[in-house]
Amino acid sequence: MRKIRPILTVLGLLAFVAISGHGAMGLAEEPSKTKGALEKVFPNSNKCKRCHERVFEEWETSPLSRSIHSPAFRASLDEYLTFSVGKDKALCFRCHAPHVSEFVDQAPMFVAQVQSGDPVIDGVGCTQCHLIKQVDRSSHPPVPKYEPGKTLYGPYKDFVQNLAHQSMELELFRKSDLCMNCHQSVPASANLGKSTELLGPWEGSQAVKGGKECQTCHMPEQVGESANGENKRKVANHSFPGRIGKLRQEAAKLALETSVKGEQTSVVVTVQSLVPHNLPTTHPAWAKVVLELAVKGKNLKTVYTGQRVYGRVFADAKGQKTLFDFKATKVLEDTVLKPEETRTETFTFPTPKDTRSFDVEVSLSYAPVTGPPEFLQRVEAESPKGAQDPVFQPIPIVKQALNVPLK
């Protein structure tokens, strides 16, 4: 994760078409599986920037562009390699750099790139999505079927002919299926079955029944150029808004009701999820959404706090709680908000004294990273921002406040 309307976290969609006359971007006509061929089959996204500046700049700000570059991923990968004693080194990359499936023998190189702290290869870049011709959803998790070569796939039929690569319209790029190979479940916990699926029963949601796909919210249409100098038209946004970006503010609604009965007061908070998938999607396994309530009495002094946590709690083979899904053998607790679920939470506390009114403040946020102290120290040490790295900060979703008068 270098440099997902939360419906699903999704992969690339736009067909990367280039202006006629530009130089070839280096796609191999007959891809070789020999060492050193990776860059020819899956060229770095920097090469796409030559013709697709808008798309590149959007992608560069997205979580997908940082899929193998974040300190948290680097620390998690080391934790996994230690746990697995170096076995199946490709496992984490099946989502964080899915083209590893075409170069499984080079998995140690992928690991070395991440451990260097500054990978020169892409994790989820242009070709990692636009060379997918099919997604096999019969597998768990689903598997992308790549078609390496000089043809890039996308959703548009009116692409511009060019010398850089061939383009082909593919309906898959308008469908949520494209996103399932990474966002439906985690390979490491697949043995736990549907209990650890990231999205929950999303296909039965009202949004999906109404015709919405992942791309509807996570790749919203806008007017712009697909390739530099091309006529403007409706194109897909490649910043992939979700947890990051303003889209998260549309993820949920809060409503408050208070009941003052003498010395006791109750506040009922209604939490309504507006997204057609689980909130949160529990990967990494520490992913949590936290509902926090604060009551402020005289002089705005906080007199009561309470919280509810939505997420999953896993146990390892020894029955101990773990925040790493690759260690999980059992789900101990599941409090995630299911697709479009409405849930009520009741908080009871002593009625504030010596005041004519009190304030109730409620917020819903994505929780910061948690884990064993040594893991958090490793993430902090790996980040140039140290403890100020965004992963250590909560991400607000929505908040609500109410002043309650006292008789």
Protein backbone atom coordinates (compact mmCIF):
# COMPACT_ATOMS: atom_id res chain seq x y z
CA MET A 1 0.00 0.00 0.00
CA ARG A 2 2.46 2.67 -1.12
CA LYS A 3 2.21 6.08 -2.00
CA ILE A 4 -12.45 0.38 -0.36
CA ARG A 5 -19.63 4.67 -1.21
CA PRO A 6 -17.59 2.13 0.47
CA ILE A 7 -19.12 -0.74 -1.40
CA LEU A 8 -16.02 -2.82 -2.03
CA THR A 9 -12.42 -2.03 -2.23
CA VAL A 10 -11.70 -2.36 -5.99
CA LEU A 11 -9.06 -2.75 -8.64
CA GLY A 12 -8.30 -0.92 -11.87
CA LEU A 13 -11.00 -0.33 -14.38
CA LEU A 14 -10.13 2.12 -17.12
CA ALA A 15 -8.72 0.77 -20.38
CA PHE A 16 -5.34 2.37 -20.74
CA VAL A 17 -5.32 3.66 -24.30
CA ALA A 18 -2.52 5.73 -25.73
CA ILE A 19 -2.28 8.45 -28.34
CA SER A 20 -1.35 7.24 -31.79
CA GLY A 21 2.35 7.74 -32.47
CA HIS A 22 3.63 7.35 -28.88
CA GLY A 23 6.33 4.79 -28.21
CA ALA A 24 5.44 1.28 -27.02
CA MET A 25 5.22 0.88 -23.25
CA GLY A 26 7.18 -2.34 -23.22
CA LEU A 27 4.48 -5.02 -23.09
CA ALA A 28 5.89 -8.37 -24.10
CA GLU A 29 4.32 -9.88 -27.21
CA GLU A 30 5.18 -13.40 -26.12
CA PRO A 31 5.75 -13.18 -22.37
CA SER A 32 8.53 -15.27 -20.94
CA LYS A 33 8.48 -16.75 -17.45
CA THR A 34 12.26 -16.56 -17.15
CA LYS A 35 13.94 -14.42 -14.50
CA GLY A 36 13.92 -10.75 -15.39
CA ALA A 37 10.81 -10.96 -17.57
CA LEU A 38 8.46 -9.44 -15.00
CA GLU A 39 9.05 -5.84 -16.08
CA LYS A 40 8.36 -6.77 -19.71
CA VAL A 41 5.05 -8.46 -18.91
CA PHE A 42 3.95 -6.03 -16.19
CA PRO A 43 5.68 -2.72 -16.93
CA ASN A 44 5.80 -0.11 -14.18
CA SER A 45 2.89 2.33 -14.09
CA ASN A 46 5.34 5.19 -14.62
CA LYS A 47 5.41 4.14 -18.26
CA CYS A 48 1.65 4.54 -18.53
CA LYS A 49 1.95 8.11 -17.25
CA ARG A 50 3.41 9.18 -20.58
CA CYS A 51 -0.01 8.95 -22.20
CA HIS A 52 -2.35 8.70 -19.21
CA GLU A 53 -1.31 11.53 -16.94
CA ARG A 54 -4.73 12.13 -15.33
CA VAL A 55 -5.29 8.47 -14.54
CA PHE A 56 -1.76 8.05 -13.20
CA GLU A 57 -2.01 11.05 -10.90
CA GLU A 58 -5.32 9.79 -9.47
CA TRP A 59 -3.93 6.29 -8.96
CA GLU A 60 -0.76 7.66 -7.36
CA THR A 61 -2.82 9.16 -4.51
CA SER A 62 -4.83 5.97 -3.97
CA PRO A 63 -4.33 3.18 -1.42
CA LEU A 64 -3.78 0.75 -4.31
CA SER A 65 -0.57 2.51 -5.31
CA ARG A 66 0.77 1.85 -1.79
CA SER A 67 -0.24 -1.81 -1.62
CA ILE A 68 3.34 -3.02 -1.00
CA HIS A 69 4.91 0.24 0.15
CA SER A 70 3.37 0.96 3.54
CA PRO A 71 5.24 0.39 6.82
CA ALA A 72 2.26 -1.58 8.15
CA PHE A 73 2.39 -4.00 5.22
CA ARG A 74 6.15 -4.36 5.53
CA ALA A 75 5.87 -5.19 9.23
CA SER A 76 2.94 -7.55 8.62
CA LEU A 77 4.84 -9.38 5.88
CA ASP A 78 7.78 -9.95 8.21
CA GLU A 79 5.37 -11.22 10.87
CA TYR A 80 3.86 -13.64 8.35
CA LEU A 81 7.23 -14.91 7.08
CA THR A 82 8.35 -15.60 10.64
CA PHE A 83 5.09 -17.38 11.44
CA SER A 84 5.14 -19.49 8.25
CA VAL A 85 8.88 -20.20 8.52
CA GLY A 86 9.32 -18.84 5.00
CA LYS A 87 6.76 -21.12 3.39
CA ASP A 88 4.45 -19.85 0.63
CA LYS A 89 6.20 -16.50 0.34
CA ALA A 90 3.74 -15.49 -2.36
CA LEU A 91 0.65 -15.62 -0.12
CA CYS A 92 0.38 -11.94 0.88
CA PHE A 93 1.19 -10.85 -2.65
CA ARG A 94 -1.80 -12.66 -4.12
CA CYS A 95 -3.72 -9.48 -3.32
CA HIS A 96 -1.03 -6.89 -2.63
CA ALA A 97 0.78 -7.69 -5.91
CA PRO A 98 -1.51 -10.18 -7.71
CA HIS A 99 0.77 -10.60 -10.72
CA VAL A 100 2.91 -12.81 -8.48
CA SER A 101 0.65 -15.62 -9.71
CA GLU A 102 2.43 -15.37 -13.07
CA PHE A 103 5.87 -15.39 -11.43
CA VAL A 104 5.54 -17.61 -8.37
CA ASP A 105 9.19 -18.66 -8.61
CA GLN A 106 10.13 -15.01 -8.11
CA ALA A 107 8.24 -14.62 -4.83
CA PRO A 108 11.55 -14.15 -2.95
CA MET A 109 12.24 -11.15 -5.20
CA PHE A 110 8.85 -9.65 -4.29
CA VAL A 111 9.71 -10.13 -0.61
CA ALA A 112 13.12 -8.52 -1.05
CA GLN A 113 11.55 -5.56 -2.82
CA VAL A 114 9.19 -4.92 0.09
CA GLN A 115 11.89 -5.41 2.71
CA SER A 116 14.08 -2.87 0.92
CA GLY A 117 11.65 -0.19 2.09
CA ASP A 118 11.40 1.37 -1.37
CA PRO A 119 10.11 -1.16 -3.92
CA VAL A 120 10.72 -0.32 -7.57
CA ILE A 121 7.99 -2.73 -8.72
CA ASP A 122 4.26 -2.01 -8.54
CA GLY A 123 1.95 -3.85 -6.23
CA VAL A 124 -1.44 -2.98 -7.71
CA GLY A 125 -0.74 -0.79 -10.71
CA CYS A 126 -2.07 -0.38 -14.23
CA THR A 127 -1.19 -3.72 -15.78
CA GLN A 128 -1.94 -5.68 -12.61
CA CYS A 129 -5.59 -4.89 -13.37
CA HIS A 130 -5.77 -4.25 -17.09
CA LEU A 131 -4.21 -7.57 -18.09
CA ILE A 132 -6.95 -9.49 -16.25
CA LYS A 133 -9.20 -11.20 -18.76
CA GLN A 134 -11.26 -13.32 -16.38
CA VAL A 135 -11.87 -13.85 -12.65
CA ASP A 136 -12.54 -17.40 -11.49
CA ARG A 137 -15.05 -17.05 -8.66
CA SER A 138 -15.36 -20.81 -8.21
CA SER A 139 -12.17 -20.67 -6.16
CA HIS A 140 -11.99 -19.31 -2.61
CA PRO A 141 -10.65 -16.71 -2.73
CA PRO A 142 -11.39 -15.96 -6.43
CA VAL A 143 -8.43 -16.11 -8.82
CA PRO A 144 -7.60 -13.58 -11.57
CA LYS A 145 -6.78 -15.07 -14.96
CA TYR A 146 -4.16 -12.96 -16.68
CA GLU A 147 -3.67 -12.71 -20.43
CA PRO A 148 -0.12 -11.32 -20.72
CA GLY A 149 0.63 -9.69 -24.05
CA LYS A 150 0.19 -6.40 -25.89
CA THR A 151 -3.57 -6.14 -25.33
CA LEU A 152 -4.93 -4.22 -22.34
CA TYR A 153 -8.56 -4.70 -21.29
CA GLY A 154 -11.06 -2.11 -20.11
CA PRO A 155 -14.70 -0.97 -20.26
CA TYR A 156 -14.66 1.25 -23.35
CA LYS A 157 -15.37 0.37 -26.94
CA ASP A 158 -14.40 3.76 -28.40
CA PHE A 159 -10.73 3.53 -27.49
CA VAL A 160 -8.11 5.35 -29.56
CA GLN A 161 -5.88 3.25 -31.79
CA ASN A 162 -2.24 3.71 -30.85
CA LEU A 163 1.24 2.26 -31.16
CA ALA A 164 1.79 1.64 -27.45
CA HIS A 165 -0.59 -1.28 -27.04
CA GLN A 166 -3.79 -2.80 -28.30
CA SER A 167 -7.04 -2.27 -26.41
CA MET A 168 -10.10 -4.46 -26.01
CA GLU A 169 -13.49 -3.79 -24.44
CA LEU A 170 -14.35 -6.29 -21.72
CA GLU A 171 -17.63 -6.33 -19.77
CA LEU A 172 -15.74 -7.64 -16.72
CA PHE A 173 -14.40 -4.12 -16.14
CA ARG A 174 -17.93 -2.84 -15.48
CA LYS A 175 -18.68 -5.60 -12.96
CA SER A 176 -17.90 -6.20 -9.30
CA ASP A 177 -16.40 -9.56 -10.27
CA LEU A 178 -13.23 -7.71 -11.24
CA CYS A 179 -12.68 -6.76 -7.61
CA MET A 180 -13.45 -10.12 -6.02
CA ASN A 181 -10.01 -11.69 -6.46
CA CYS A 182 -8.66 -9.37 -3.74
CA HIS A 183 -11.63 -8.04 -1.84
CA GLN A 184 -13.86 -11.04 -1.14
CA SER A 185 -11.69 -12.96 1.28
CA VAL A 186 -8.15 -13.31 2.60
CA PRO A 187 -6.12 -16.28 1.30
CA ALA A 188 -4.60 -16.97 4.72
CA SER A 189 -7.96 -17.39 6.46
CA ALA A 190 -9.83 -19.06 3.59
CA ASN A 191 -10.03 -22.27 5.63
CA LEU A 192 -12.45 -20.46 7.97
CA GLY A 193 -14.95 -20.17 5.13
CA LYS A 194 -17.70 -17.56 4.95
CA SER A 195 -17.19 -16.54 8.58
CA THR A 196 -14.22 -14.44 7.48
CA GLU A 197 -15.44 -13.16 4.14
CA LEU A 198 -14.61 -9.49 4.00
CA LEU A 199 -17.76 -8.20 2.31
CA GLY A 200 -20.45 -10.31 3.94
CA PRO A 201 -23.69 -11.06 2.03
CA TRP A 202 -23.21 -8.07 -0.28
CA GLU A 203 -24.93 -9.62 -3.29
CA GLY A 204 -28.26 -9.55 -1.42
CA SER A 205 -28.04 -5.84 -0.60
CA GLN A 206 -30.53 -3.30 -1.91
CA ALA A 207 -27.72 -1.42 -3.65
CA VAL A 208 -26.69 -4.46 -5.66
CA LYS A 209 -30.29 -5.37 -6.41
CA GLY A 210 -30.66 -1.82 -7.71
CA GLY A 211 -27.90 -2.39 -10.24
CA LYS A 212 -24.91 -0.87 -8.46
CA GLU A 213 -21.45 -2.36 -8.87
CA CYS A 214 -18.25 -1.74 -6.89
CA GLN A 215 -17.20 0.75 -9.53
CA THR A 216 -20.35 2.84 -9.00
CA CYS A 217 -18.95 4.22 -5.77
CA HIS A 218 -15.27 3.33 -5.75
CA MET A 219 -14.60 4.42 -9.34
CA PRO A 220 -17.22 7.13 -9.89
CA GLU A 221 -17.63 8.49 -13.39
CA GLN A 222 -16.38 11.96 -14.24
CA VAL A 223 -15.79 13.93 -17.40
CA GLY A 224 -12.18 13.94 -18.55
CA GLU A 225 -9.53 12.45 -20.80
CA SER A 226 -8.60 8.82 -20.78
CA ALA A 227 -5.40 9.55 -22.69
CA ASN A 228 -3.61 12.86 -23.07
CA GLY A 229 -5.23 15.00 -25.78
CA GLU A 230 -8.18 12.67 -26.26
CA ASN A 231 -11.69 14.10 -26.52
CA LYS A 232 -13.27 14.49 -23.10
CA ARG A 233 -15.96 11.99 -22.18
CA LYS A 234 -17.19 10.03 -19.17
CA VAL A 235 -14.27 8.20 -17.61
CA ALA A 236 -13.69 6.32 -14.36
CA ASN A 237 -11.94 7.96 -11.43
CA HIS A 238 -8.82 6.05 -10.33
CA SER A 239 -8.30 7.48 -6.85
CA PHE A 240 -10.50 4.64 -5.49
CA PRO A 241 -12.30 6.54 -2.72
CA GLY A 242 -13.46 4.54 0.27
CA ARG A 243 -11.95 4.55 3.71
CA ILE A 244 -9.64 7.24 2.35
CA GLY A 245 -11.47 10.22 0.86
CA LYS A 246 -14.78 11.99 1.39
CA LEU A 247 -16.80 8.95 0.32
CA ARG A 248 -16.47 7.48 3.82
CA GLN A 249 -18.73 10.27 5.11
CA GLU A 250 -21.55 8.54 3.24
CA ALA A 251 -20.86 5.19 4.92
CA ALA A 252 -23.19 5.57 7.90
CA LYS A 253 -25.75 7.75 9.72
CA LEU A 254 -26.18 8.33 13.43
CA ALA A 255 -29.35 9.28 15.35
CA LEU A 256 -29.69 10.06 19.08
CA GLU A 257 -32.55 9.75 21.56
CA THR A 258 -32.23 10.65 25.23
CA SER A 259 -34.33 9.73 28.24
CA VAL A 260 -33.74 11.51 31.55
CA LYS A 261 -35.30 9.72 34.53
CA GLY A 262 -34.21 11.41 37.70
CA GLU A 263 -30.66 10.49 38.54
CA GLN A 264 -30.30 8.14 35.57
CA THR A 265 -30.10 9.06 31.89
CA SER A 266 -30.10 6.79 28.86
CA VAL A 267 -28.96 7.61 25.35
CA VAL A 268 -30.00 5.36 22.50
CA VAL A 269 -27.73 5.66 19.47
CA THR A 270 -29.00 4.30 16.16
CA VAL A 271 -26.17 3.34 13.82
CA GLN A 272 -27.28 2.86 10.22
CA SER A 273 -24.79 1.43 7.77
CA LEU A 274 -25.37 2.83 4.29
CA VAL A 275 -22.94 0.53 2.50
CA PRO A 276 -23.81 -2.77 0.78
CA HIS A 277 -20.95 -4.68 2.42
CA ASN A 278 -19.61 -5.29 5.92
CA LEU A 279 -18.48 -2.25 7.87
CA PRO A 280 -15.62 -2.61 8.38
CA THR A 281 -14.21 -5.11 5.91
CA THR A 282 -11.94 -6.96 8.35
CA HIS A 283 -8.59 -7.04 6.62
CA PRO A 284 -6.16 -6.28 8.06
CA ALA A 285 -7.58 -8.25 10.97
CA TRP A 286 -7.10 -5.27 13.26
CA ALA A 287 -9.58 -3.24 11.18
CA LYS A 288 -12.25 -1.90 13.52
CA VAL A 289 -14.94 0.77 13.48
CA VAL A 290 -15.50 2.43 16.85
CA LEU A 291 -18.63 4.19 18.11
CA GLU A 292 -17.69 6.63 20.88
CA LEU A 293 -20.02 8.60 23.15
CA ALA A 294 -19.03 11.47 25.43
CA VAL A 295 -21.26 13.37 27.85
CA LYS A 296 -20.23 16.87 28.89
CA GLY A 297 -21.75 18.54 31.92
CA LYS A 298 -21.03 21.78 33.75
CA ASN A 299 -18.32 23.91 32.09
CA LEU A 300 -18.18 21.30 29.31
CA LYS A 301 -16.37 18.88 31.59
CA THR A 302 -16.58 15.29 30.37
CA VAL A 303 -18.53 13.29 32.94
CA TYR A 304 -19.08 10.03 31.04
CA THR A 305 -17.63 8.14 28.10
CA GLY A 306 -18.61 4.88 26.44
CA GLN A 307 -17.87 2.99 23.26
CA ARG A 308 -18.83 0.06 21.07
CA VAL A 309 -16.40 -1.70 18.75
CA TYR A 310 -17.38 -3.28 15.45
CA GLY A 311 -15.01 -5.87 14.02
CA ARG A 312 -13.83 -9.44 14.45
CA VAL A 313 -11.77 -11.12 17.15
CA PHE A 314 -9.69 -14.10 16.04
CA ALA A 315 -8.01 -16.91 17.93
CA ASP A 316 -4.87 -18.78 16.90
CA ALA A 317 -4.16 -22.50 17.16
CA LYS A 318 -3.41 -22.12 20.89
CA GLY A 319 -6.72 -20.41 21.53
CA GLN A 320 -5.08 -17.04 22.16
CA LYS A 321 -6.43 -13.86 20.61
CA THR A 322 -4.57 -12.69 17.51
CA LEU A 323 -4.75 -9.63 15.29
CA PHE A 324 -3.17 -11.46 12.34
CA ASP A 325 -5.64 -13.32 10.15
CA PHE A 326 -2.89 -15.61 8.82
CA LYS A 327 -2.65 -17.02 12.36
CA ALA A 328 -6.41 -17.33 12.79
CA THR A 329 -8.02 -20.74 13.26
CA LYS A 330 -11.27 -19.53 14.79
CA VAL A 331 -13.51 -16.46 14.99
CA LEU A 332 -14.19 -15.69 18.65
CA GLU A 333 -16.41 -12.67 18.13
CA ASP A 334 -18.02 -10.98 15.15
CA THR A 335 -19.62 -7.57 15.69
CA VAL A 336 -19.18 -6.10 12.19
CA LEU A 337 -22.09 -4.12 10.80
CA LYS A 338 -23.61 -6.29 8.09
CA PRO A 339 -24.58 -4.80 4.71
CA GLU A 340 -27.06 -1.92 5.18
CA GLU A 341 -27.66 -2.98 8.79
CA THR A 342 -29.26 -0.71 11.39
CA ARG A 343 -28.15 -1.32 14.98
CA THR A 344 -29.11 0.39 18.25
CA GLU A 345 -26.77 0.89 21.19
CA THR A 346 -27.90 2.02 24.64
CA PHE A 347 -25.66 3.94 27.05
CA THR A 348 -26.80 4.57 30.64
CA PHE A 349 -25.09 6.99 33.03
CA PRO A 350 -25.75 9.23 36.05
CA THR A 351 -27.57 12.43 35.11
CA PRO A 352 -25.08 15.33 35.20
CA LYS A 353 -25.56 17.56 38.27
CA ASP A 354 -25.38 21.33 38.88
CA THR A 355 -26.14 22.25 35.29
CA ARG A 356 -29.16 23.36 33.29
CA SER A 357 -28.24 21.13 30.33
CA PHE A 358 -25.63 18.70 29.13
CA ASP A 359 -24.15 17.80 25.76
CA VAL A 360 -24.00 14.38 24.14
CA GLU A 361 -21.40 13.86 21.42
CA VAL A 362 -21.25 10.67 19.36
CA SER A 363 -18.75 9.75 16.65
CA LEU A 364 -18.10 6.78 14.39
CA SER A 365 -14.52 6.29 13.21
CA TYR A 366 -12.12 3.79 11.72
CA ALA A 367 -9.77 2.78 14.53
CA PRO A 368 -5.99 3.14 14.18
CA VAL A 369 -3.74 0.12 13.87
CA THR A 370 -3.48 -2.09 16.94
CA GLY A 371 -1.36 -5.12 17.75
CA PRO A 372 1.40 -6.43 20.00
CA PRO A 373 3.75 -3.67 21.23
CA GLU A 374 6.71 -5.04 19.28
CA PHE A 375 4.65 -4.99 16.06
CA LEU A 376 3.54 -1.39 16.61
CA GLN A 377 7.12 -0.40 17.39
CA ARG A 378 8.21 -2.02 14.14
CA VAL A 379 5.60 -0.10 12.13
CA GLU A 380 6.67 3.13 13.79
CA ALA A 381 10.34 2.42 13.11
CA GLU A 382 9.64 1.59 9.47
CA SER A 383 7.75 4.83 8.83
CA PRO A 384 9.60 8.08 8.07
CA LYS A 385 6.79 9.80 9.98
CA GLY A 386 7.24 7.61 13.04
CA ALA A 387 4.32 7.77 15.47
CA GLN A 388 2.72 10.44 13.26
CA ASP A 389 2.16 7.95 10.44
CA PRO A 390 -1.53 8.08 9.38
CA VAL A 391 -1.95 4.41 10.28
CA PHE A 392 -1.76 5.43 13.95
CA GLN A 393 -4.56 7.97 13.58
CA PRO A 394 -8.33 7.32 13.67
CA ILE A 395 -10.25 8.21 10.53
CA PRO A 396 -13.59 9.93 11.27
CA ILE A 397 -16.68 8.71 9.41
CA VAL A 398 -19.59 10.65 10.90
CA LYS A 399 -20.49 12.45 14.14
CA GLN A 400 -23.59 13.79 15.86
CA ALA A 401 -24.16 16.10 18.84
CA LEU A 402 -27.17 16.97 20.97
CA ASN A 403 -27.80 19.43 23.81
CA VAL A 404 -30.16 18.01 26.42
CA PRO A 405 -31.97 20.54 28.69
CA LEU A 406 -32.70 19.58 32.29
CA LYS A 407 -35.87 20.70 34.05
